[in-house]
């Protein structure tokens, strides 16, 4: 009899107690994942299979699975190549998304409880009462709050910050507020959503308070802040984090091309782009100044803009070259912002800031979970050298 069969037999002999049922569910789910991963890898755990192995394990990720037998703690296997998420968890996650989205949208639009009930039933689910809606919102707020206020551990050399504007109601008026998101990469090369906040102004005090809140949660070791050319972010980063500021190269190019005619923009873009393909910081700056001097006679405003922005746009060149393509712009946040826009546009106008935090915060929690399943975001080369302290844990197995 195999070890797995013996373990299952022992659980069966204990009877039908709810704790035993929960243990059996946990055991079977864990075995299903192990079998599934063995098939994806082409070999069992720690098995030598030359020529047959397709992939390798890379530890586990903890997850709580809510079942009718109660909450079950699972250890989801991680792979070195690609990501893995068990299919039997997907339907529940999808259903939760659909139900939450319907209830939230109905709540935001001020639809009656009866209409909410009809909407939910249209999805083939059982109806919900006003108290259930309130309870679900409270549960979401608790989960999102715990995520957004969790301690931040380790050193985070790179920090990306960007804002997305969302409509909300305030004192009978419809106004636009900024939902800002901060994403960081730590010295292990892992990427996480570190914070999210809703604010009515992108002035320096708002950014300063947001960055200080990250500091209070444990953020440290930030060497480079990447954002658009908002003066409030730049000033707050210098004041709170004492970090270098990288002006997003993509945003800069949009500003630069506004000073050239439509027929000349391709030429201007290609000329400025030559500075970004240099092999060193020194050669990049030399090329930047050369291009600025060439463009200045015909585009004086563009030449002045390049003079002014040189240090900020080329800040990334003083960091490890292996990271250049990921730290010279806010592109790592663009896809995230696009998804925020897509989901918040469905709602339209939010009733208050708390509702925005609930939905966007839940999305960030979900995104963070997905990132944790993926391979390391950034090469380790050069990351340890950016750390202010000794590593808090051993480097993870290469994935």
Protein backbone atom coordinates (compact mmCIF):
# COMPACT_ATOMS: atom_id res chain seq x y z
CA UNK A 1 0.00 0.00 0.00
CA UNK A 2 1.42 3.41 -0.98
CA UNK A 3 2.02 6.16 1.56
CA UNK A 4 -0.78 8.25 0.06
CA UNK A 5 -3.29 5.38 0.25
CA UNK A 6 -2.29 4.61 3.84
CA UNK A 7 -2.78 8.26 4.84
CA UNK A 8 -6.24 8.32 3.24
CA UNK A 9 -7.19 5.04 4.92
CA UNK A 10 -6.20 6.45 8.31
CA UNK A 11 -8.39 9.50 7.78
CA UNK A 12 -11.33 7.32 6.69
CA UNK A 13 -11.12 5.19 9.82
CA UNK A 14 -11.55 8.27 12.01
CA UNK A 15 -15.23 8.62 11.03
CA UNK A 16 -17.32 11.49 9.65
CA UNK A 17 -16.37 14.26 12.07
CA UNK A 18 -16.30 17.68 10.36
CA UNK A 19 -12.61 18.11 11.18
CA UNK A 20 -11.87 14.75 9.59
CA UNK A 21 -13.89 15.69 6.50
CA UNK A 22 -11.89 18.88 6.22
CA UNK A 23 -8.64 16.90 6.52
CA UNK A 24 -9.83 14.50 3.81
CA UNK A 25 -10.71 17.39 1.48
CA UNK A 26 -7.29 18.88 2.15
CA UNK A 27 -5.56 15.55 1.54
CA UNK A 28 -7.36 14.84 -1.74
CA UNK A 29 -6.85 18.39 -3.05
CA UNK A 30 -3.15 18.25 -2.19
CA UNK A 31 -2.77 14.87 -3.91
CA UNK A 32 -4.60 16.12 -7.02
CA UNK A 33 -2.16 19.03 -7.29
CA UNK A 34 0.86 16.77 -6.74
CA UNK A 35 -0.30 14.38 -9.46
CA UNK A 36 -1.09 17.25 -11.82
CA UNK A 37 2.35 18.84 -11.29
CA UNK A 38 4.11 15.50 -11.75
CA UNK A 39 2.41 15.21 -15.15
CA UNK A 40 3.42 18.75 -16.11
CA UNK A 41 7.02 18.15 -15.02
CA UNK A 42 7.27 14.71 -16.67
CA UNK A 43 8.74 13.28 -13.46
CA UNK A 44 7.99 12.91 -9.77
CA UNK A 45 9.37 15.04 -6.95
CA UNK A 46 13.20 14.83 -6.84
CA UNK A 47 13.08 12.04 -9.44
CA UNK A 48 16.02 11.73 -11.83
CA UNK A 49 14.55 11.46 -15.30
CA UNK A 50 17.11 12.49 -17.94
CA UNK A 51 15.45 13.37 -21.22
CA UNK A 52 11.93 13.05 -19.79
CA UNK A 53 11.72 15.97 -17.39
CA UNK A 54 9.82 18.94 -18.85
CA UNK A 55 9.86 21.26 -15.85
CA UNK A 56 10.95 21.44 -12.20
CA UNK A 57 9.37 22.41 -8.90
CA UNK A 58 10.18 25.64 -7.12
CA UNK A 59 8.66 25.38 -3.64
CA UNK A 60 5.09 26.10 -2.59
CA UNK A 61 2.66 28.97 -2.13
CA UNK A 62 0.21 28.95 0.78
CA UNK A 63 -3.50 29.50 0.04
CA UNK A 64 -6.70 29.14 2.08
CA UNK A 65 -9.51 27.36 0.20
CA UNK A 66 -13.05 27.89 1.51
CA UNK A 67 -15.14 24.72 1.15
CA UNK A 68 -18.43 23.43 2.59
CA UNK A 69 -16.35 21.48 5.09
CA UNK A 70 -14.67 24.68 6.22
CA UNK A 71 -11.47 26.55 5.36
CA UNK A 72 -8.69 24.30 4.08
CA UNK A 73 -5.05 25.30 3.97
CA UNK A 74 -3.40 24.26 0.71
CA UNK A 75 0.20 24.31 -0.46
CA UNK A 76 0.09 25.10 -4.18
CA UNK A 77 3.23 23.88 -6.00
CA UNK A 78 5.26 26.47 -7.89
CA UNK A 79 7.17 25.73 -11.10
CA UNK A 80 10.48 27.09 -12.32
CA UNK A 81 9.08 27.71 -15.78
CA UNK A 82 5.63 29.24 -16.16
CA UNK A 83 2.93 29.31 -13.51
CA UNK A 84 0.60 26.72 -12.00
CA UNK A 85 -2.87 27.13 -10.54
CA UNK A 86 -5.11 24.08 -9.94
CA UNK A 87 -8.19 23.96 -12.12
CA UNK A 88 -10.49 22.91 -9.29
CA UNK A 89 -9.93 26.33 -7.65
CA UNK A 90 -10.77 28.32 -10.79
CA UNK A 91 -14.59 27.89 -10.83
CA UNK A 92 -14.94 29.18 -7.27
CA UNK A 93 -12.68 32.13 -7.98
CA UNK A 94 -14.62 32.99 -11.16
CA UNK A 95 -17.95 32.70 -9.39
CA UNK A 96 -16.76 34.91 -6.57
CA UNK A 97 -15.62 37.53 -9.08
CA UNK A 98 -18.97 37.48 -10.89
CA UNK A 99 -21.04 37.65 -7.72
CA UNK A 100 -18.91 40.37 -6.19
CA UNK A 101 -18.95 42.44 -9.39
CA UNK A 102 -22.75 42.22 -9.69
CA UNK A 103 -23.37 43.14 -6.07
CA UNK A 104 -20.83 45.96 -6.14
CA UNK A 105 -22.22 47.43 -9.33
CA UNK A 106 -25.77 47.23 -8.00
CA UNK A 107 -24.66 48.82 -4.75
CA UNK A 108 -22.87 51.61 -6.55
CA UNK A 109 -25.84 52.34 -8.80
CA UNK A 110 -28.24 52.47 -5.86
CA UNK A 111 -30.35 49.58 -7.15
CA UNK A 112 -32.92 48.17 -4.72
CA UNK A 113 -32.29 44.94 -2.82
CA UNK A 114 -34.94 43.17 -4.89
CA UNK A 115 -33.18 44.18 -8.12
CA UNK A 116 -29.87 43.00 -6.71
CA UNK A 117 -31.53 39.67 -5.97
CA UNK A 118 -32.84 39.43 -9.54
CA UNK A 119 -29.41 40.25 -10.99
CA UNK A 120 -27.73 37.56 -8.93
CA UNK A 121 -30.39 34.99 -9.85
CA UNK A 122 -29.84 35.84 -13.52
CA UNK A 123 -26.35 34.45 -13.08
CA UNK A 124 -27.80 31.17 -11.83
CA UNK A 125 -26.94 31.85 -8.18
CA UNK A 126 -29.13 31.96 -5.12
CA UNK A 127 -30.54 35.33 -4.08
CA UNK A 128 -28.98 37.68 -1.58
CA UNK A 129 -30.47 39.99 1.02
CA UNK A 130 -29.47 43.52 1.99
CA UNK A 131 -27.70 42.15 5.05
CA UNK A 132 -25.77 39.69 2.87
CA UNK A 133 -24.69 42.51 0.57
CA UNK A 134 -23.48 44.50 3.56
CA UNK A 135 -21.71 41.47 4.99
CA UNK A 136 -19.99 40.73 1.68
CA UNK A 137 -18.81 44.34 1.41
CA UNK A 138 -17.53 44.20 4.99
CA UNK A 139 -15.66 40.96 4.26
CA UNK A 140 -14.14 42.48 1.14
CA UNK A 141 -13.12 45.61 3.05
CA UNK A 142 -11.47 43.46 5.72
CA UNK A 143 -9.49 41.42 3.19
CA UNK A 144 -8.50 44.45 1.12
CA UNK A 145 -7.58 46.41 4.23
CA UNK A 146 -5.38 43.60 5.52
CA UNK A 147 -3.65 43.44 2.14
CA UNK A 148 -3.10 47.18 1.76
CA UNK A 149 -1.84 47.54 5.33
CA UNK A 150 0.32 44.43 5.53
CA UNK A 151 3.93 44.82 6.72
CA UNK A 152 6.50 45.36 3.96
CA UNK A 153 9.63 43.30 4.54
CA UNK A 154 13.05 43.41 2.93
CA UNK A 155 14.68 45.96 0.62
CA UNK A 156 12.86 47.28 -2.45
CA UNK A 157 15.36 49.02 -4.78
CA UNK A 158 12.82 49.86 -7.50
CA UNK A 159 9.43 51.51 -7.02
CA UNK A 160 6.94 52.35 -9.79
CA UNK A 161 4.11 54.80 -9.06
CA UNK A 162 1.25 55.84 -11.32
CA UNK A 163 -2.31 57.16 -11.06
CA UNK A 164 -5.59 56.34 -12.77
CA UNK A 165 -8.53 58.73 -12.62
CA UNK A 166 -11.96 57.44 -11.59
CA UNK A 167 -15.30 59.24 -11.23
CA UNK A 168 -17.05 59.40 -7.86
CA UNK A 169 -19.82 61.34 -6.14
CA UNK A 170 -19.00 64.02 -3.61
CA UNK A 171 -21.52 66.35 -1.99
CA UNK A 172 -23.96 65.84 -4.85
CA UNK A 173 -21.33 66.47 -7.53
CA UNK A 174 -19.44 64.08 -9.81
CA UNK A 175 -15.67 64.52 -9.51
CA UNK A 176 -12.56 62.71 -10.69
CA UNK A 177 -10.20 61.27 -8.10
CA UNK A 178 -6.82 59.62 -8.49
CA UNK A 179 -6.36 55.97 -7.59
CA UNK A 180 -2.61 55.60 -7.21
CA UNK A 181 -0.80 52.30 -7.18
CA UNK A 182 2.78 51.57 -6.08
CA UNK A 183 4.56 48.46 -7.36
CA UNK A 184 8.01 47.42 -6.16
CA UNK A 185 10.71 44.86 -6.91
CA UNK A 186 12.73 43.50 -3.99
CA UNK A 187 16.30 42.21 -3.85
CA UNK A 188 15.03 38.71 -4.62
CA UNK A 189 13.71 39.94 -8.00
CA UNK A 190 10.07 39.48 -6.96
CA UNK A 191 7.38 42.00 -7.88
CA UNK A 192 4.52 43.02 -5.58
CA UNK A 193 1.80 45.64 -5.31
CA UNK A 194 2.98 47.57 -2.24
CA UNK A 195 0.23 50.12 -1.85
CA UNK A 196 -2.89 51.76 -3.23
CA UNK A 197 -4.69 54.96 -2.20
CA UNK A 198 -7.47 57.22 -3.43
CA UNK A 199 -6.92 60.97 -3.34
CA UNK A 200 -8.56 64.14 -4.62
CA UNK A 201 -5.30 65.86 -5.49
CA UNK A 202 -1.94 64.83 -6.88
CA UNK A 203 -0.21 67.67 -5.11
CA UNK A 204 3.02 67.06 -3.21
CA UNK A 205 1.34 66.69 0.24
CA UNK A 206 -0.77 63.80 -1.04
CA UNK A 207 2.22 61.95 -2.50
CA UNK A 208 4.29 62.69 0.60
CA UNK A 209 1.67 61.17 2.90
CA UNK A 210 1.29 58.13 0.65
CA UNK A 211 5.03 57.43 0.60
CA UNK A 212 5.25 57.99 4.36
CA UNK A 213 2.49 55.43 4.85
CA UNK A 214 4.61 52.93 2.91
CA UNK A 215 7.57 53.79 5.11
CA UNK A 216 5.50 53.22 8.24
CA UNK A 217 4.65 49.75 6.98
CA UNK A 218 8.34 48.93 6.56
CA UNK A 219 9.31 50.07 3.06
CA UNK A 220 13.06 50.57 2.87
CA UNK A 221 15.99 50.42 0.49
CA UNK A 222 14.31 52.34 -2.37
CA UNK A 223 16.97 53.56 -4.79
CA UNK A 224 14.89 54.52 -7.84
CA UNK A 225 11.32 55.83 -8.16
CA UNK A 226 9.85 55.58 -11.67
CA UNK A 227 6.86 57.76 -12.61
CA UNK A 228 5.60 60.35 -15.07
CA UNK A 229 6.80 63.95 -14.86
CA UNK A 230 4.59 64.99 -11.97
CA UNK A 231 6.46 67.47 -9.81
CA UNK A 232 4.60 66.30 -6.70
CA UNK A 233 5.94 62.76 -7.05
CA UNK A 234 9.45 63.98 -7.73
CA UNK A 235 9.49 66.25 -4.68
CA UNK A 236 7.90 63.63 -2.40
CA UNK A 237 10.34 60.91 -3.52
CA UNK A 238 13.31 63.15 -2.78
CA UNK A 239 11.93 64.21 0.59
CA UNK A 240 10.59 60.90 1.95
CA UNK A 241 12.64 58.19 0.26
CA UNK A 242 15.87 60.07 -0.53
CA UNK A 243 15.76 58.18 -3.83
CA UNK A 244 16.70 58.96 -7.42
CA UNK A 245 13.79 59.83 -9.68
CA UNK A 246 13.39 58.31 -13.14
CA UNK A 247 11.19 60.26 -15.52
CA UNK A 248 9.25 57.77 -17.62
CA UNK A 249 10.92 57.64 -21.00
CA UNK A 250 7.62 56.92 -22.80
CA UNK A 251 5.90 59.94 -21.26
CA UNK A 252 8.91 62.11 -22.08
CA UNK A 253 8.82 61.07 -25.75
CA UNK A 254 5.18 62.13 -25.97
CA UNK A 255 6.10 65.54 -24.58
CA UNK A 256 9.10 65.83 -26.88
CA UNK A 257 7.22 64.92 -30.06
CA UNK A 258 4.66 67.63 -29.34
CA UNK A 259 7.41 70.12 -30.33
CA UNK A 260 7.86 68.56 -33.78
CA UNK A 261 5.62 68.53 -36.84
CA UNK A 262 3.71 65.37 -37.74
CA UNK A 263 5.99 64.60 -40.68
CA UNK A 264 9.12 64.99 -38.57
CA UNK A 265 8.14 63.05 -35.45
CA UNK A 266 9.43 59.71 -36.67
CA UNK A 267 12.83 61.22 -37.38
CA UNK A 268 12.93 62.99 -33.99
CA UNK A 269 11.87 59.83 -32.16
CA UNK A 270 14.57 57.76 -33.88
CA UNK A 271 17.23 60.37 -33.13
CA UNK A 272 16.41 60.59 -29.42
CA UNK A 273 16.12 56.81 -29.27
CA UNK A 274 19.80 56.40 -30.15
CA UNK A 275 20.69 57.62 -26.65
CA UNK A 276 18.75 54.74 -25.09
CA UNK A 277 20.70 51.99 -26.87
CA UNK A 278 24.14 53.01 -25.64
CA UNK A 279 26.25 50.62 -23.59
CA UNK A 280 27.09 52.93 -20.70
CA UNK A 281 25.78 55.93 -18.80
CA UNK A 282 28.57 58.12 -20.12
CA UNK A 283 27.98 57.24 -23.77
CA UNK A 284 24.21 57.67 -23.30
CA UNK A 285 24.68 61.21 -21.97
CA UNK A 286 27.17 62.08 -24.70
CA UNK A 287 24.76 60.89 -27.37
CA UNK A 288 21.83 62.71 -25.71
CA UNK A 289 23.68 66.03 -25.81
CA UNK A 290 24.76 65.44 -29.39
CA UNK A 291 21.15 64.79 -30.50
CA UNK A 292 19.92 67.85 -28.57
CA UNK A 293 22.50 70.03 -30.36
CA UNK A 294 21.50 68.61 -33.75
CA UNK A 295 17.80 69.25 -33.16
CA UNK A 296 18.17 72.64 -31.46
CA UNK A 297 18.46 74.86 -34.61
CA UNK A 298 15.20 73.55 -36.07
CA UNK A 299 13.39 72.73 -32.80
CA UNK A 300 14.62 75.18 -30.15
CA UNK A 301 11.92 74.26 -27.62
CA UNK A 302 12.74 70.57 -28.02
CA UNK A 303 16.42 71.26 -27.51
CA UNK A 304 15.66 73.15 -24.30
CA UNK A 305 13.40 70.33 -23.11
CA UNK A 306 16.16 67.79 -23.67
CA UNK A 307 18.64 69.93 -21.75
CA UNK A 308 16.25 70.20 -18.84
CA UNK A 309 15.22 66.52 -18.78
CA UNK A 310 18.60 64.86 -19.42
CA UNK A 311 19.39 63.87 -15.84
CA UNK A 312 15.88 62.59 -15.05
CA UNK A 313 15.28 60.66 -18.29
CA UNK A 314 18.70 58.98 -18.19
CA UNK A 315 18.69 58.25 -14.45
CA UNK A 316 18.22 54.54 -15.16
CA UNK A 317 21.67 54.32 -16.81
CA UNK A 318 23.39 54.54 -13.42
CA UNK A 319 21.77 51.24 -12.36
CA UNK A 320 22.67 47.66 -13.40
CA UNK A 321 22.38 47.30 -17.17
CA UNK A 322 20.47 44.03 -16.83
CA UNK A 323 17.56 46.06 -15.43
CA UNK A 324 17.52 48.97 -17.88
CA UNK A 325 14.65 47.77 -20.08
CA UNK A 326 12.38 47.42 -17.02
CA UNK A 327 13.21 50.60 -15.10
CA UNK A 328 13.30 53.32 -17.76
CA UNK A 329 9.49 53.68 -17.92
CA UNK A 330 6.23 53.02 -16.12
CA UNK A 331 5.33 50.30 -18.63
CA UNK A 332 5.18 47.64 -15.88
CA UNK A 333 2.17 49.58 -14.52
CA UNK A 334 0.45 50.38 -17.81
CA UNK A 335 -1.23 46.98 -18.15
CA UNK A 336 -2.37 47.17 -14.54
CA UNK A 337 -3.86 50.61 -15.08
CA UNK A 338 -5.63 49.45 -18.23
CA UNK A 339 -7.30 46.64 -16.27
CA UNK A 340 -8.32 49.08 -13.52
CA UNK A 341 -9.91 51.31 -16.17
CA UNK A 342 -11.72 48.40 -17.78
CA UNK A 343 -13.23 47.22 -14.50
CA UNK A 344 -14.08 50.66 -13.08
CA UNK A 345 -15.67 51.76 -16.37
CA UNK A 346 -18.22 48.99 -15.89
CA UNK A 347 -19.28 50.61 -12.62
CA UNK A 348 -19.22 54.13 -14.04
CA UNK A 349 -19.62 56.49 -11.10
CA UNK A 350 -18.70 55.28 -7.60
CA UNK A 351 -20.71 56.43 -4.57
CA UNK A 352 -17.62 57.20 -2.47
CA UNK A 353 -13.88 56.66 -2.11
CA UNK A 354 -14.39 53.54 0.01
CA UNK A 355 -16.14 51.79 -2.89
CA UNK A 356 -13.19 52.58 -5.18
CA UNK A 357 -10.74 51.24 -2.63
CA UNK A 358 -12.84 48.08 -2.26
CA UNK A 359 -12.90 47.26 -5.98
CA UNK A 360 -9.43 48.45 -7.02
CA UNK A 361 -7.89 47.03 -3.83
CA UNK A 362 -9.47 43.63 -4.52
CA UNK A 363 -8.05 43.73 -8.04
CA UNK A 364 -4.58 44.51 -6.68
CA UNK A 365 -4.86 41.64 -4.19
CA UNK A 366 -5.79 39.30 -7.02
CA UNK A 367 -2.97 40.61 -9.23
CA UNK A 368 -0.47 40.16 -6.43
CA UNK A 369 -1.53 36.52 -6.03
CA UNK A 370 -1.03 35.91 -9.76
CA UNK A 371 2.42 37.51 -9.72
CA UNK A 372 3.47 35.26 -6.86
CA UNK A 373 2.77 32.25 -9.09
CA UNK A 374 4.93 33.53 -11.93
CA UNK A 375 8.66 33.32 -12.38
CA UNK A 376 10.99 35.93 -10.91
CA UNK A 377 10.28 39.32 -12.52
CA UNK A 378 13.81 40.74 -12.55
CA UNK A 379 17.28 39.22 -12.86
CA UNK A 380 19.19 38.87 -9.60
CA UNK A 381 22.29 40.31 -11.25
CA UNK A 382 23.02 43.59 -9.50
CA UNK A 383 20.03 43.51 -7.13
CA UNK A 384 21.95 42.43 -4.03
CA UNK A 385 24.41 45.26 -4.61
CA UNK A 386 21.50 47.71 -4.30
CA UNK A 387 20.53 46.42 -0.86
CA UNK A 388 21.16 48.60 2.19
CA UNK A 389 21.22 45.59 4.49
CA UNK A 390 22.20 41.94 4.39
CA UNK A 391 19.57 39.72 2.75
CA UNK A 392 16.77 38.89 5.17
CA UNK A 393 16.42 35.42 3.67
CA UNK A 394 18.34 33.14 1.39
CA UNK A 395 17.82 33.71 -2.32
CA UNK A 396 14.99 31.64 -3.76
CA UNK A 397 15.79 28.82 -6.13
CA UNK A 398 16.23 30.17 -9.64
CA UNK A 399 13.02 30.00 -11.55
